[in-house]
Protein backbone atom coordinates (compact mmCIF):
# COMPACT_ATOMS: atom_id res chain seq x y z
CA UNK A 1 0.00 0.00 0.00
CA UNK A 2 2.89 2.35 0.77
CA UNK A 3 4.33 1.89 -2.72
CA UNK A 4 1.01 2.68 -4.36
CA UNK A 5 0.71 5.86 -2.31
CA UNK A 6 4.24 6.91 -3.29
CA UNK A 7 3.45 6.32 -6.96
CA UNK A 8 0.28 8.38 -6.69
CA UNK A 9 2.17 11.23 -5.03
CA UNK A 10 4.87 11.11 -7.71
CA UNK A 11 2.28 11.08 -10.49
CA UNK A 12 0.44 14.01 -8.91
CA UNK A 13 3.66 15.96 -8.48
CA UNK A 14 4.65 15.29 -12.09
CA UNK A 15 1.20 16.36 -13.24
CA UNK A 16 1.32 19.62 -11.30
CA UNK A 17 4.84 20.33 -12.50
CA UNK A 18 3.77 19.77 -16.11
CA UNK A 19 0.73 21.97 -15.61
CA UNK A 20 2.74 24.88 -14.24
CA UNK A 21 5.48 24.52 -16.84
CA UNK A 22 2.79 24.57 -19.52
CA UNK A 23 1.33 27.75 -18.06
CA UNK A 24 4.76 29.39 -17.97
CA UNK A 25 5.37 28.43 -21.59
CA UNK A 26 2.00 29.85 -22.61
CA UNK A 27 2.65 33.12 -20.76
CA UNK A 28 6.02 33.38 -22.49
CA UNK A 29 4.40 32.77 -25.89
CA UNK A 30 1.82 35.45 -25.10
CA UNK A 31 4.54 37.95 -24.18
CA UNK A 32 6.42 37.18 -27.39
CA UNK A 33 3.23 37.55 -29.42
CA UNK A 34 2.52 40.90 -27.76
CA UNK A 35 6.03 42.07 -28.62
CA UNK A 36 5.46 41.12 -32.27
CA UNK A 37 2.13 42.94 -32.35
CA UNK A 38 3.69 46.01 -30.73
CA UNK A 39 6.61 46.11 -33.18
CA UNK A 40 4.19 45.68 -36.09
CA UNK A 41 2.04 48.53 -34.76
CA UNK A 42 5.10 50.78 -34.44
CA UNK A 43 6.13 50.01 -38.04
CA UNK A 44 2.63 50.82 -39.28
CA UNK A 45 2.62 54.11 -37.35
CA UNK A 46 5.95 55.06 -38.93
CA UNK A 47 4.60 54.27 -42.40
CA UNK A 48 1.51 56.38 -41.70
CA UNK A 49 3.63 59.33 -40.51
CA UNK A 50 5.84 59.14 -43.59
CA UNK A 51 2.81 59.01 -45.87
CA UNK A 52 1.18 61.87 -43.97
CA UNK A 53 4.35 63.97 -44.29
CA UNK A 54 4.51 63.20 -48.01
CA UNK A 55 0.87 64.15 -48.54
CA UNK A 56 1.33 67.40 -46.62
CA UNK A 57 4.35 68.24 -48.75
CA UNK A 58 6.92 68.08 -45.96
CA UNK A 59 8.95 65.45 -47.81
CA UNK A 60 9.22 64.50 -51.44
CA UNK A 61 10.45 61.62 -53.50
PDB file of N, CA and C in Angstrom:
ATOM      1  N   UNK A   1       0.830  -1.200   0.000  1.00  0.00           N
ATOM      2  CA  UNK A   1       0.000   0.000   0.000  1.00  0.00           C
ATOM      3  C   UNK A   1       0.865   1.250   0.000  1.00  0.00           C
ATOM      4  N   UNK A   2       1.995   1.198   0.705  1.00  0.00           N
ATOM      5  CA  UNK A   2       2.886   2.349   0.766  1.00  0.00           C
ATOM      6  C   UNK A   2       3.462   2.698  -0.603  1.00  0.00           C
ATOM      7  N   UNK A   3       3.772   1.664  -1.386  1.00  0.00           N
ATOM      8  CA  UNK A   3       4.330   1.886  -2.720  1.00  0.00           C
ATOM      9  C   UNK A   3       3.304   2.543  -3.633  1.00  0.00           C
ATOM     10  N   UNK A   4       2.073   2.105  -3.549  1.00  0.00           N
ATOM     11  CA  UNK A   4       1.007   2.685  -4.358  1.00  0.00           C
ATOM     12  C   UNK A   4       0.811   4.160  -4.017  1.00  0.00           C
ATOM     13  N   UNK A   5       0.856   4.475  -2.744  1.00  0.00           N
ATOM     14  CA  UNK A   5       0.711   5.860  -2.309  1.00  0.00           C
ATOM     15  C   UNK A   5       1.857   6.716  -2.835  1.00  0.00           C
ATOM     16  N   UNK A   6       3.072   6.178  -2.769  1.00  0.00           N
ATOM     17  CA  UNK A   6       4.237   6.914  -3.289  1.00  0.00           C
ATOM     18  C   UNK A   6       4.089   7.176  -4.785  1.00  0.00           C
ATOM     19  N   UNK A   7       3.633   6.158  -5.516  1.00  0.00           N
ATOM     20  CA  UNK A   7       3.449   6.320  -6.960  1.00  0.00           C
ATOM     21  C   UNK A   7       2.383   7.368  -7.268  1.00  0.00           C
ATOM     22  N   UNK A   8       1.322   7.374  -6.495  1.00  0.00           N
ATOM     23  CA  UNK A   8       0.275   8.380  -6.693  1.00  0.00           C
ATOM     24  C   UNK A   8       0.798   9.783  -6.408  1.00  0.00           C
ATOM     25  N   UNK A   9       1.591   9.924  -5.362  1.00  0.00           N
ATOM     26  CA  UNK A   9       2.168  11.231  -5.025  1.00  0.00           C
ATOM     27  C   UNK A   9       3.113  11.682  -6.132  1.00  0.00           C
ATOM     28  N   UNK A  10       3.951  10.763  -6.621  1.00  0.00           N
ATOM     29  CA  UNK A  10       4.873  11.109  -7.710  1.00  0.00           C
ATOM     30  C   UNK A  10       4.119  11.507  -8.973  1.00  0.00           C
ATOM     31  N   UNK A  11       3.071  10.768  -9.295  1.00  0.00           N
ATOM     32  CA  UNK A  11       2.276  11.084 -10.488  1.00  0.00           C
ATOM     33  C   UNK A  11       1.603  12.442 -10.333  1.00  0.00           C
ATOM     34  N   UNK A  12       1.076  12.714  -9.151  1.00  0.00           N
ATOM     35  CA  UNK A  12       0.444  14.013  -8.906  1.00  0.00           C
ATOM     36  C   UNK A  12       1.437  15.148  -8.995  1.00  0.00           C
ATOM     37  N   UNK A  13       2.625  14.931  -8.428  1.00  0.00           N
ATOM     38  CA  UNK A  13       3.664  15.960  -8.479  1.00  0.00           C
ATOM     39  C   UNK A  13       4.087  16.216  -9.922  1.00  0.00           C
ATOM     40  N   UNK A  14       4.267  15.141 -10.683  1.00  0.00           N
ATOM     41  CA  UNK A  14       4.650  15.295 -12.089  1.00  0.00           C
ATOM     42  C   UNK A  14       3.558  16.020 -12.864  1.00  0.00           C
ATOM     43  N   UNK A  15       2.307  15.694 -12.560  1.00  0.00           N
ATOM     44  CA  UNK A  15       1.195  16.362 -13.243  1.00  0.00           C
ATOM     45  C   UNK A  15       1.148  17.844 -12.938  1.00  0.00           C
ATOM     46  N   UNK A  16       1.323  18.196 -11.675  1.00  0.00           N
ATOM     47  CA  UNK A  16       1.319  19.616 -11.297  1.00  0.00           C
ATOM     48  C   UNK A  16       2.497  20.354 -11.910  1.00  0.00           C
ATOM     49  N   UNK A  17       3.664  19.706 -11.908  1.00  0.00           N
ATOM     50  CA  UNK A  17       4.842  20.330 -12.503  1.00  0.00           C
ATOM     51  C   UNK A  17       4.605  20.589 -13.986  1.00  0.00           C
ATOM     52  N   UNK A  18       4.069  19.603 -14.687  1.00  0.00           N
ATOM     53  CA  UNK A  18       3.769  19.771 -16.113  1.00  0.00           C
ATOM     54  C   UNK A  18       2.756  20.870 -16.349  1.00  0.00           C
ATOM     55  N   UNK A  19       1.763  20.937 -15.486  1.00  0.00           N
ATOM     56  CA  UNK A  19       0.729  21.970 -15.610  1.00  0.00           C
ATOM     57  C   UNK A  19       1.342  23.363 -15.485  1.00  0.00           C
ATOM     58  N   UNK A  20       2.155  23.559 -14.450  1.00  0.00           N
ATOM     59  CA  UNK A  20       2.736  24.884 -14.239  1.00  0.00           C
ATOM     60  C   UNK A  20       3.769  25.233 -15.302  1.00  0.00           C
ATOM     61  N   UNK A  21       4.531  24.251 -15.757  1.00  0.00           N
ATOM     62  CA  UNK A  21       5.478  24.515 -16.845  1.00  0.00           C
ATOM     63  C   UNK A  21       4.735  24.880 -18.124  1.00  0.00           C
ATOM     64  N   UNK A  22       3.609  24.231 -18.359  1.00  0.00           N
ATOM     65  CA  UNK A  22       2.788  24.573 -19.521  1.00  0.00           C
ATOM     66  C   UNK A  22       2.252  25.987 -19.435  1.00  0.00           C
ATOM     67  N   UNK A  23       1.824  26.375 -18.248  1.00  0.00           N
ATOM     68  CA  UNK A  23       1.325  27.746 -18.064  1.00  0.00           C
ATOM     69  C   UNK A  23       2.430  28.770 -18.288  1.00  0.00           C
ATOM     70  N   UNK A  24       3.631  28.481 -17.766  1.00  0.00           N
ATOM     71  CA  UNK A  24       4.756  29.394 -17.967  1.00  0.00           C
ATOM     72  C   UNK A  24       5.093  29.524 -19.446  1.00  0.00           C
ATOM     73  N   UNK A  25       5.081  28.401 -20.159  1.00  0.00           N
ATOM     74  CA  UNK A  25       5.372  28.434 -21.593  1.00  0.00           C
ATOM     75  C   UNK A  25       4.323  29.257 -22.328  1.00  0.00           C
ATOM     76  N   UNK A  26       3.067  29.098 -21.950  1.00  0.00           N
ATOM     77  CA  UNK A  26       2.000  29.848 -22.613  1.00  0.00           C
ATOM     78  C   UNK A  26       2.137  31.341 -22.331  1.00  0.00           C
ATOM     79  N   UNK A  27       2.458  31.707 -21.092  1.00  0.00           N
ATOM     80  CA  UNK A  27       2.653  33.118 -20.764  1.00  0.00           C
ATOM     81  C   UNK A  27       3.813  33.700 -21.563  1.00  0.00           C
ATOM     82  N   UNK A  28       4.868  32.916 -21.717  1.00  0.00           N
ATOM     83  CA  UNK A  28       6.024  33.379 -22.492  1.00  0.00           C
ATOM     84  C   UNK A  28       5.628  33.586 -23.954  1.00  0.00           C
ATOM     85  N   UNK A  29       4.870  32.634 -24.505  1.00  0.00           N
ATOM     86  CA  UNK A  29       4.402  32.770 -25.887  1.00  0.00           C
ATOM     87  C   UNK A  29       3.536  34.014 -26.032  1.00  0.00           C
ATOM     88  N   UNK A  30       2.682  34.266 -25.050  1.00  0.00           N
ATOM     89  CA  UNK A  30       1.818  35.446 -25.098  1.00  0.00           C
ATOM     90  C   UNK A  30       2.644  36.724 -25.071  1.00  0.00           C
ATOM     91  N   UNK A  31       3.680  36.759 -24.231  1.00  0.00           N
ATOM     92  CA  UNK A  31       4.540  37.950 -24.178  1.00  0.00           C
ATOM     93  C   UNK A  31       5.249  38.162 -25.507  1.00  0.00           C
ATOM     94  N   UNK A  32       5.744  37.065 -26.096  1.00  0.00           N
ATOM     95  CA  UNK A  32       6.423  37.178 -27.386  1.00  0.00           C
ATOM     96  C   UNK A  32       5.454  37.633 -28.471  1.00  0.00           C
ATOM     97  N   UNK A  33       4.240  37.132 -28.438  1.00  0.00           N
ATOM     98  CA  UNK A  33       3.235  37.546 -29.417  1.00  0.00           C
ATOM     99  C   UNK A  33       2.898  39.025 -29.247  1.00  0.00           C
ATOM    100  N   UNK A  34       2.793  39.478 -28.002  1.00  0.00           N
ATOM    101  CA  UNK A  34       2.517  40.896 -27.762  1.00  0.00           C
ATOM    102  C   UNK A  34       3.651  41.773 -28.270  1.00  0.00           C
ATOM    103  N   UNK A  35       4.889  41.305 -28.110  1.00  0.00           N
ATOM    104  CA  UNK A  35       6.032  42.066 -28.622  1.00  0.00           C
ATOM    105  C   UNK A  35       5.953  42.183 -30.141  1.00  0.00           C
ATOM    106  N   UNK A  36       5.582  41.086 -30.810  1.00  0.00           N
ATOM    107  CA  UNK A  36       5.457  41.117 -32.267  1.00  0.00           C
ATOM    108  C   UNK A  36       4.357  42.075 -32.708  1.00  0.00           C
ATOM    109  N   UNK A  37       3.237  42.042 -32.014  1.00  0.00           N
ATOM    110  CA  UNK A  37       2.132  42.939 -32.348  1.00  0.00           C
ATOM    111  C   UNK A  37       2.555  44.383 -32.136  1.00  0.00           C
ATOM    112  N   UNK A  38       3.245  44.651 -31.035  1.00  0.00           N
ATOM    113  CA  UNK A  38       3.689  46.013 -30.734  1.00  0.00           C
ATOM    114  C   UNK A  38       4.679  46.510 -31.785  1.00  0.00           C
ATOM    115  N   UNK A  39       5.638  45.677 -32.175  1.00  0.00           N
ATOM    116  CA  UNK A  39       6.609  46.111 -33.179  1.00  0.00           C
ATOM    117  C   UNK A  39       5.924  46.328 -34.525  1.00  0.00           C
ATOM    118  N   UNK A  40       4.945  45.507 -34.850  1.00  0.00           N
ATOM    119  CA  UNK A  40       4.195  45.685 -36.088  1.00  0.00           C
ATOM    120  C   UNK A  40       3.409  46.992 -36.055  1.00  0.00           C
ATOM    121  N   UNK A  41       2.807  47.286 -34.913  1.00  0.00           N
ATOM    122  CA  UNK A  41       2.043  48.529 -34.759  1.00  0.00           C
ATOM    123  C   UNK A  41       2.956  49.744 -34.912  1.00  0.00           C
ATOM    124  N   UNK A  42       4.149  49.678 -34.339  1.00  0.00           N
ATOM    125  CA  UNK A  42       5.100  50.782 -34.441  1.00  0.00           C
ATOM    126  C   UNK A  42       5.511  50.986 -35.895  1.00  0.00           C
ATOM    127  N   UNK A  43       5.766  49.885 -36.625  1.00  0.00           N
ATOM    128  CA  UNK A  43       6.128  50.007 -38.044  1.00  0.00           C
ATOM    129  C   UNK A  43       5.005  50.655 -38.837  1.00  0.00           C
ATOM    130  N   UNK A  44       3.776  50.247 -38.572  1.00  0.00           N
ATOM    131  CA  UNK A  44       2.632  50.821 -39.282  1.00  0.00           C
ATOM    132  C   UNK A  44       2.484  52.307 -38.968  1.00  0.00           C
ATOM    133  N   UNK A  45       2.701  52.693 -37.715  1.00  0.00           N
ATOM    134  CA  UNK A  45       2.616  54.110 -37.351  1.00  0.00           C
ATOM    135  C   UNK A  45       3.681  54.918 -38.084  1.00  0.00           C
ATOM    136  N   UNK A  46       4.883  54.366 -38.212  1.00  0.00           N
ATOM    137  CA  UNK A  46       5.952  55.058 -38.935  1.00  0.00           C
ATOM    138  C   UNK A  46       5.577  55.235 -40.402  1.00  0.00           C
ATOM    139  N   UNK A  47       5.022  54.183 -41.002  1.00  0.00           N
ATOM    140  CA  UNK A  47       4.596  54.274 -42.399  1.00  0.00           C
ATOM    141  C   UNK A  47       3.526  55.348 -42.563  1.00  0.00           C
ATOM    142  N   UNK A  48       2.587  55.389 -41.632  1.00  0.00           N
ATOM    143  CA  UNK A  48       1.514  56.383 -41.704  1.00  0.00           C
ATOM    144  C   UNK A  48       2.069  57.795 -41.573  1.00  0.00           C
ATOM    145  N   UNK A  49       3.036  57.994 -40.674  1.00  0.00           N
ATOM    146  CA  UNK A  49       3.630  59.329 -40.506  1.00  0.00           C
ATOM    147  C   UNK A  49       4.382  59.756 -41.759  1.00  0.00           C
ATOM    148  N   UNK A  50       5.108  58.814 -42.366  1.00  0.00           N
ATOM    149  CA  UNK A  50       5.843  59.143 -43.591  1.00  0.00           C
ATOM    150  C   UNK A  50       4.864  59.504 -44.702  1.00  0.00           C
ATOM    151  N   UNK A  51       3.811  58.725 -44.855  1.00  0.00           N
ATOM    152  CA  UNK A  51       2.805  59.012 -45.873  1.00  0.00           C
ATOM    153  C   UNK A  51       2.124  60.345 -45.600  1.00  0.00           C
ATOM    154  N   UNK A  52       1.816  60.610 -44.350  1.00  0.00           N
ATOM    155  CA  UNK A  52       1.182  61.871 -43.973  1.00  0.00           C
ATOM    156  C   UNK A  52       2.099  63.054 -44.291  1.00  0.00           C
ATOM    157  N   UNK A  53       3.388  62.911 -43.977  1.00  0.00           N
ATOM    158  CA  UNK A  53       4.345  63.975 -44.289  1.00  0.00           C
ATOM    159  C   UNK A  53       4.451  64.182 -45.793  1.00  0.00           C
ATOM    160  N   UNK A  54       4.445  63.099 -46.556  1.00  0.00           N
ATOM    161  CA  UNK A  54       4.512  63.199 -48.007  1.00  0.00           C
ATOM    162  C   UNK A  54       3.283  63.923 -48.545  1.00  0.00           C
ATOM    163  N   UNK A  55       2.107  63.541 -48.053  1.00  0.00           N
ATOM    164  CA  UNK A  55       0.875  64.153 -48.542  1.00  0.00           C
ATOM    165  C   UNK A  55       0.773  65.626 -48.156  1.00  0.00           C
ATOM    166  N   UNK A  56       1.360  66.001 -47.045  1.00  0.00           N
ATOM    167  CA  UNK A  56       1.334  67.401 -46.617  1.00  0.00           C
ATOM    168  C   UNK A  56       2.455  68.213 -47.262  1.00  0.00           C
ATOM    169  N   UNK A  57       3.304  67.544 -48.036  1.00  0.00           N
ATOM    170  CA  UNK A  57       4.354  68.243 -48.755  1.00  0.00           C
ATOM    171  C   UNK A  57       5.609  68.485 -47.942  1.00  0.00           C
ATOM    172  N   UNK A  58       5.727  67.879 -46.786  1.00  0.00           N
ATOM    173  CA  UNK A  58       6.921  68.077 -45.960  1.00  0.00           C
ATOM    174  C   UNK A  58       8.121  67.326 -46.513  1.00  0.00           C
ATOM    175  N   UNK A  59       7.862  66.211 -47.190  1.00  0.00           N
ATOM    176  CA  UNK A  59       8.945  65.451 -47.810  1.00  0.00           C
ATOM    177  C   UNK A  59       8.540  65.126 -49.233  1.00  0.00           C
ATOM    178  N   UNK A  60       9.508  64.859 -50.055  1.00  0.00           N
ATOM    179  CA  UNK A  60       9.223  64.503 -51.437  1.00  0.00           C
ATOM    180  C   UNK A  60      10.096  63.352 -51.880  1.00  0.00           C
ATOM    181  N   UNK A  61       9.666  62.722 -52.958  1.00  0.00           N
ATOM    182  CA  UNK A  61      10.447  61.620 -53.495  1.00  0.00           C
ATOM    183  C   UNK A  61      11.087  62.023 -54.781  1.00  0.00           C
TER     184      UNK A  61
END
